[in-house]
N, C-alpha and C. Protein backbone atom coordinates (compact mmCIF):
# COMPACT_ATOMS: atom_id res chain seq x y z
N UNK A 1 -8.29 -7.11 -18.57
CA UNK A 1 -7.89 -7.33 -17.19
C UNK A 1 -8.87 -8.31 -16.54
N UNK A 2 -8.32 -9.31 -15.88
CA UNK A 2 -9.15 -10.28 -15.19
C UNK A 2 -9.81 -9.64 -13.98
N UNK A 3 -10.98 -10.14 -13.62
CA UNK A 3 -11.74 -9.55 -12.51
C UNK A 3 -10.97 -9.65 -11.19
N UNK A 4 -10.24 -10.75 -10.99
CA UNK A 4 -9.48 -10.90 -9.74
C UNK A 4 -8.39 -9.84 -9.63
N UNK A 5 -7.75 -9.53 -10.73
CA UNK A 5 -6.72 -8.49 -10.76
C UNK A 5 -7.37 -7.13 -10.52
N UNK A 6 -8.52 -6.89 -11.14
CA UNK A 6 -9.23 -5.63 -10.94
C UNK A 6 -9.63 -5.45 -9.47
N UNK A 7 -10.10 -6.51 -8.86
CA UNK A 7 -10.47 -6.44 -7.44
C UNK A 7 -9.25 -6.15 -6.57
N UNK A 8 -8.14 -6.78 -6.88
CA UNK A 8 -6.92 -6.57 -6.11
C UNK A 8 -6.44 -5.12 -6.27
N UNK A 9 -6.48 -4.60 -7.50
CA UNK A 9 -6.08 -3.21 -7.73
C UNK A 9 -7.02 -2.24 -7.03
N UNK A 10 -8.30 -2.55 -7.01
CA UNK A 10 -9.26 -1.72 -6.29
C UNK A 10 -8.93 -1.70 -4.79
N UNK A 11 -8.53 -2.82 -4.28
CA UNK A 11 -8.14 -2.90 -2.86
C UNK A 11 -6.89 -2.07 -2.60
N UNK A 12 -5.92 -2.14 -3.49
CA UNK A 12 -4.70 -1.33 -3.36
C UNK A 12 -5.06 0.14 -3.34
N UNK A 13 -5.94 0.56 -4.24
CA UNK A 13 -6.35 1.97 -4.28
C UNK A 13 -6.99 2.39 -2.96
N UNK A 14 -7.87 1.53 -2.42
CA UNK A 14 -8.53 1.85 -1.16
C UNK A 14 -7.51 1.97 -0.03
N UNK A 15 -6.54 1.07 0.01
CA UNK A 15 -5.51 1.14 1.05
C UNK A 15 -4.69 2.42 0.94
N UNK A 16 -4.34 2.80 -0.28
CA UNK A 16 -3.58 4.04 -0.47
C UNK A 16 -4.42 5.25 -0.08
N UNK A 17 -5.71 5.22 -0.39
CA UNK A 17 -6.60 6.31 0.03
C UNK A 17 -6.70 6.37 1.55
N UNK A 18 -6.77 5.20 2.20
CA UNK A 18 -6.80 5.16 3.67
C UNK A 18 -5.52 5.74 4.25
N UNK A 19 -4.39 5.40 3.64
CA UNK A 19 -3.11 5.94 4.10
C UNK A 19 -3.09 7.46 3.97
N UNK A 20 -3.66 7.97 2.89
CA UNK A 20 -3.71 9.43 2.70
C UNK A 20 -4.52 10.09 3.81
N UNK A 21 -5.57 9.44 4.27
CA UNK A 21 -6.36 9.98 5.39
C UNK A 21 -5.52 10.06 6.65
N UNK A 22 -4.72 9.03 6.88
CA UNK A 22 -3.85 9.03 8.06
C UNK A 22 -2.84 10.16 7.94
N UNK A 23 -2.24 10.32 6.79
CA UNK A 23 -1.26 11.39 6.56
C UNK A 23 -1.91 12.76 6.78
N UNK A 24 -3.15 12.91 6.33
CA UNK A 24 -3.85 14.19 6.47
C UNK A 24 -4.04 14.59 7.94
N UNK A 25 -4.02 13.60 8.83
CA UNK A 25 -4.18 13.91 10.26
C UNK A 25 -2.93 14.57 10.83
N UNK A 26 -1.79 14.43 10.13
CA UNK A 26 -0.55 15.07 10.56
C UNK A 26 0.35 14.15 11.36
N UNK A 27 1.62 14.45 11.33
CA UNK A 27 2.61 13.61 12.00
C UNK A 27 2.44 13.59 13.52
N UNK A 28 2.12 14.72 14.11
CA UNK A 28 1.97 14.77 15.57
C UNK A 28 0.82 13.86 16.02
N UNK A 29 -0.28 13.89 15.29
CA UNK A 29 -1.42 13.03 15.62
C UNK A 29 -1.04 11.56 15.44
N UNK A 30 -0.32 11.27 14.36
CA UNK A 30 0.15 9.91 14.10
C UNK A 30 1.05 9.42 15.25
N UNK A 31 2.00 10.24 15.63
CA UNK A 31 2.93 9.85 16.70
C UNK A 31 2.22 9.62 18.03
N UNK A 32 1.15 10.35 18.27
CA UNK A 32 0.42 10.25 19.54
C UNK A 32 -0.60 9.12 19.55
N UNK A 33 -0.84 8.49 18.41
CA UNK A 33 -1.92 7.50 18.32
C UNK A 33 -1.39 6.12 17.94
N UNK A 34 -1.43 5.21 18.89
CA UNK A 34 -1.06 3.83 18.58
C UNK A 34 -2.06 3.21 17.61
N UNK A 35 -3.29 3.68 17.65
CA UNK A 35 -4.32 3.17 16.73
C UNK A 35 -3.92 3.50 15.28
N UNK A 36 -3.54 4.75 15.03
CA UNK A 36 -3.12 5.13 13.68
C UNK A 36 -1.86 4.39 13.26
N UNK A 37 -0.95 4.18 14.19
CA UNK A 37 0.27 3.44 13.87
C UNK A 37 -0.05 1.99 13.52
N UNK A 38 -0.93 1.37 14.30
CA UNK A 38 -1.32 -0.02 13.99
C UNK A 38 -2.07 -0.09 12.67
N UNK A 39 -2.92 0.87 12.42
CA UNK A 39 -3.66 0.91 11.15
C UNK A 39 -2.67 1.05 9.99
N UNK A 40 -1.67 1.90 10.15
CA UNK A 40 -0.66 2.08 9.10
C UNK A 40 0.13 0.80 8.88
N UNK A 41 0.50 0.14 9.95
CA UNK A 41 1.20 -1.14 9.83
C UNK A 41 0.35 -2.13 9.05
N UNK A 42 -0.93 -2.17 9.35
CA UNK A 42 -1.84 -3.10 8.67
C UNK A 42 -1.97 -2.75 7.18
N UNK A 43 -1.99 -1.47 6.87
CA UNK A 43 -2.03 -1.05 5.46
C UNK A 43 -0.79 -1.59 4.74
N UNK A 44 0.37 -1.47 5.38
CA UNK A 44 1.61 -1.96 4.77
C UNK A 44 1.54 -3.48 4.57
N UNK A 45 1.04 -4.19 5.55
CA UNK A 45 0.93 -5.66 5.45
C UNK A 45 0.01 -6.03 4.29
N UNK A 46 -1.15 -5.40 4.21
CA UNK A 46 -2.09 -5.72 3.14
C UNK A 46 -1.56 -5.32 1.77
N UNK A 47 -0.92 -4.15 1.69
CA UNK A 47 -0.34 -3.73 0.41
C UNK A 47 0.75 -4.70 -0.04
N UNK A 48 1.56 -5.15 0.90
CA UNK A 48 2.61 -6.09 0.56
C UNK A 48 2.07 -7.39 0.03
N UNK A 49 0.99 -7.87 0.64
CA UNK A 49 0.36 -9.10 0.16
C UNK A 49 -0.20 -8.88 -1.24
N UNK A 50 -0.90 -7.78 -1.43
CA UNK A 50 -1.44 -7.47 -2.76
C UNK A 50 -0.32 -7.32 -3.78
N UNK A 51 0.79 -6.70 -3.38
CA UNK A 51 1.92 -6.51 -4.29
C UNK A 51 2.45 -7.85 -4.78
N UNK A 52 2.57 -8.80 -3.88
CA UNK A 52 3.06 -10.13 -4.26
C UNK A 52 2.13 -10.77 -5.29
N UNK A 53 0.84 -10.69 -5.03
CA UNK A 53 -0.12 -11.31 -5.95
C UNK A 53 -0.16 -10.58 -7.30
N UNK A 54 -0.06 -9.26 -7.28
CA UNK A 54 -0.06 -8.49 -8.53
C UNK A 54 1.22 -8.73 -9.32
N UNK A 55 2.34 -8.88 -8.62
CA UNK A 55 3.59 -9.21 -9.30
C UNK A 55 3.46 -10.56 -10.01
N UNK A 56 2.90 -11.53 -9.30
CA UNK A 56 2.70 -12.86 -9.89
C UNK A 56 1.77 -12.79 -11.10
N UNK A 57 0.82 -11.85 -11.08
CA UNK A 57 -0.11 -11.69 -12.19
C UNK A 57 0.50 -10.85 -13.33
N UNK A 58 1.69 -10.32 -13.12
CA UNK A 58 2.37 -9.54 -14.15
C UNK A 58 1.82 -8.15 -14.36
N UNK A 59 1.22 -7.58 -13.32
CA UNK A 59 0.62 -6.25 -13.44
C UNK A 59 1.71 -5.19 -13.58
N UNK A 60 1.55 -4.33 -14.53
CA UNK A 60 2.41 -3.18 -14.76
C UNK A 60 1.63 -1.95 -14.30
N UNK A 61 2.19 -0.79 -14.12
CA UNK A 61 3.48 -0.32 -14.57
C UNK A 61 4.56 -0.34 -13.50
N UNK A 62 4.27 -0.83 -12.30
CA UNK A 62 5.35 -0.88 -11.31
C UNK A 62 6.38 -1.92 -11.72
N UNK A 63 7.62 -1.61 -11.47
CA UNK A 63 8.67 -2.57 -11.78
C UNK A 63 8.60 -3.73 -10.80
N UNK A 64 9.09 -4.90 -11.20
CA UNK A 64 9.12 -6.02 -10.25
C UNK A 64 9.86 -5.67 -8.96
N UNK A 65 10.90 -4.84 -9.05
CA UNK A 65 11.63 -4.45 -7.84
C UNK A 65 10.75 -3.66 -6.88
N UNK A 66 9.89 -2.80 -7.43
CA UNK A 66 9.00 -2.00 -6.57
C UNK A 66 8.00 -2.92 -5.86
N UNK A 67 7.42 -3.87 -6.61
CA UNK A 67 6.50 -4.83 -6.00
C UNK A 67 7.22 -5.63 -4.90
N UNK A 68 8.45 -6.08 -5.20
CA UNK A 68 9.21 -6.87 -4.23
C UNK A 68 9.56 -6.05 -2.99
N UNK A 69 9.84 -4.77 -3.16
CA UNK A 69 10.12 -3.90 -2.03
C UNK A 69 8.91 -3.79 -1.11
N UNK A 70 7.73 -3.63 -1.71
CA UNK A 70 6.50 -3.58 -0.91
C UNK A 70 6.30 -4.88 -0.15
N UNK A 71 6.53 -6.00 -0.82
CA UNK A 71 6.35 -7.29 -0.16
C UNK A 71 7.39 -7.48 0.95
N UNK A 72 8.60 -7.02 0.73
CA UNK A 72 9.63 -7.12 1.75
C UNK A 72 9.28 -6.30 2.98
N UNK A 73 8.74 -5.11 2.77
CA UNK A 73 8.33 -4.28 3.89
C UNK A 73 7.18 -4.94 4.64
N UNK A 74 6.29 -5.56 3.90
CA UNK A 74 5.18 -6.29 4.51
C UNK A 74 5.71 -7.36 5.45
N UNK A 75 6.70 -8.12 4.99
CA UNK A 75 7.27 -9.18 5.82
C UNK A 75 7.89 -8.63 7.09
N UNK A 76 8.58 -7.52 6.96
CA UNK A 76 9.22 -6.90 8.13
C UNK A 76 8.17 -6.47 9.15
N UNK A 77 7.13 -5.80 8.69
CA UNK A 77 6.08 -5.32 9.60
C UNK A 77 5.30 -6.48 10.20
N UNK A 78 5.00 -7.48 9.38
CA UNK A 78 4.18 -8.60 9.85
C UNK A 78 4.92 -9.51 10.82
N UNK A 79 6.21 -9.70 10.60
CA UNK A 79 6.95 -10.70 11.39
C UNK A 79 7.88 -10.11 12.43
N UNK A 80 8.18 -8.83 12.31
CA UNK A 80 9.05 -8.18 13.29
C UNK A 80 8.36 -6.94 13.83
N UNK A 81 7.09 -7.11 14.17
CA UNK A 81 6.24 -5.98 14.55
C UNK A 81 6.74 -5.22 15.77
N UNK A 82 7.52 -5.87 16.64
CA UNK A 82 8.05 -5.15 17.79
C UNK A 82 9.22 -4.25 17.44
N UNK A 83 9.76 -4.44 16.24
CA UNK A 83 10.93 -3.65 15.82
C UNK A 83 10.60 -2.69 14.68
N UNK A 84 9.32 -2.45 14.43
CA UNK A 84 8.93 -1.58 13.33
C UNK A 84 9.31 -0.14 13.64
N UNK A 85 9.99 0.48 12.70
CA UNK A 85 10.39 1.89 12.84
C UNK A 85 9.27 2.75 12.25
N UNK A 86 8.54 3.44 13.12
CA UNK A 86 7.39 4.23 12.67
C UNK A 86 7.82 5.40 11.79
N UNK A 87 9.06 5.84 11.89
CA UNK A 87 9.55 6.88 10.97
C UNK A 87 9.56 6.35 9.54
N UNK A 88 9.97 5.10 9.37
CA UNK A 88 9.98 4.50 8.03
C UNK A 88 8.56 4.28 7.53
N UNK A 89 7.68 3.82 8.40
CA UNK A 89 6.28 3.63 8.00
C UNK A 89 5.69 4.97 7.58
N UNK A 90 5.90 6.01 8.38
CA UNK A 90 5.37 7.33 8.06
C UNK A 90 5.90 7.82 6.71
N UNK A 91 7.19 7.67 6.50
CA UNK A 91 7.80 8.11 5.24
C UNK A 91 7.20 7.34 4.06
N UNK A 92 6.92 6.07 4.26
CA UNK A 92 6.28 5.27 3.21
C UNK A 92 4.90 5.82 2.90
N UNK A 93 4.14 6.15 3.93
CA UNK A 93 2.79 6.70 3.73
C UNK A 93 2.84 8.05 3.01
N UNK A 94 3.80 8.88 3.39
CA UNK A 94 3.88 10.24 2.87
C UNK A 94 4.47 10.29 1.46
N UNK A 95 5.49 9.50 1.21
CA UNK A 95 6.25 9.61 -0.03
C UNK A 95 5.98 8.48 -1.01
N UNK A 96 6.15 7.26 -0.56
CA UNK A 96 6.10 6.12 -1.48
C UNK A 96 4.70 5.82 -1.99
N UNK A 97 3.72 5.82 -1.11
CA UNK A 97 2.37 5.44 -1.55
C UNK A 97 1.76 6.43 -2.54
N UNK A 98 1.92 7.74 -2.35
CA UNK A 98 1.41 8.65 -3.39
C UNK A 98 2.10 8.42 -4.74
N UNK A 99 3.39 8.13 -4.71
CA UNK A 99 4.12 7.85 -5.95
C UNK A 99 3.59 6.59 -6.62
N UNK A 100 3.35 5.57 -5.82
CA UNK A 100 2.80 4.32 -6.36
C UNK A 100 1.41 4.58 -6.93
N UNK A 101 0.60 5.36 -6.24
CA UNK A 101 -0.75 5.68 -6.73
C UNK A 101 -0.67 6.36 -8.09
N UNK A 102 0.26 7.28 -8.25
CA UNK A 102 0.43 7.96 -9.54
C UNK A 102 0.82 6.97 -10.62
N UNK A 103 1.75 6.08 -10.31
CA UNK A 103 2.20 5.10 -11.29
C UNK A 103 1.10 4.11 -11.68
N UNK A 104 0.20 3.84 -10.75
CA UNK A 104 -0.87 2.87 -11.01
C UNK A 104 -2.18 3.51 -11.46
N UNK A 105 -2.19 4.82 -11.66
CA UNK A 105 -3.42 5.54 -11.96
C UNK A 105 -4.20 4.91 -13.13
N UNK A 106 -3.53 4.62 -14.22
CA UNK A 106 -4.25 4.05 -15.38
C UNK A 106 -4.74 2.64 -15.07
N UNK A 107 -3.99 1.88 -14.28
CA UNK A 107 -4.43 0.55 -13.87
C UNK A 107 -5.65 0.64 -12.96
N UNK A 108 -5.67 1.63 -12.08
CA UNK A 108 -6.83 1.83 -11.21
C UNK A 108 -8.08 2.15 -12.05
N UNK A 109 -7.92 3.00 -13.05
CA UNK A 109 -9.06 3.36 -13.92
C UNK A 109 -9.56 2.14 -14.68
N UNK A 110 -8.63 1.36 -15.22
CA UNK A 110 -9.03 0.16 -15.95
C UNK A 110 -9.75 -0.83 -15.01
N UNK A 111 -9.24 -0.97 -13.80
CA UNK A 111 -9.87 -1.87 -12.83
C UNK A 111 -11.29 -1.41 -12.51
N UNK A 112 -11.47 -0.10 -12.34
CA UNK A 112 -12.81 0.43 -12.04
C UNK A 112 -13.77 0.15 -13.19
N UNK A 113 -13.28 0.26 -14.41
CA UNK A 113 -14.14 -0.03 -15.57
C UNK A 113 -14.54 -1.49 -15.61
N UNK A 114 -13.59 -2.38 -15.28
CA UNK A 114 -13.88 -3.82 -15.27
C UNK A 114 -14.92 -4.15 -14.19
N UNK A 115 -14.82 -3.48 -13.05
CA UNK A 115 -15.71 -3.78 -11.93
C UNK A 115 -17.07 -3.12 -12.04
N UNK A 116 -17.21 -2.14 -12.94
CA UNK A 116 -18.51 -1.45 -13.10
C UNK A 116 -19.32 -1.98 -14.24
């Protein structure tokens, strides 16, 4: 694994871990906090950017469609920020990101080995 790919995967892991912290605060706290909502939007934007670059690098095990979905969500949040549905963002944090983390677990471990 190239060092640039390892760094990108490490960043994805950190973003997913940050999202898990937001989820741990609970939905009511999330709904009441524009700061947490903006932070979540930013996580989606950064993950989408990373997804595009990792797709271009041919990183597995996520399917190209999964990477493209992340990038598409990134575009929606980044360019149509006034129309972002926080229910969809929340569901992504709760459901999709943990699933992606599980799928990328071996890639995260390999990236950590490359960076250490």
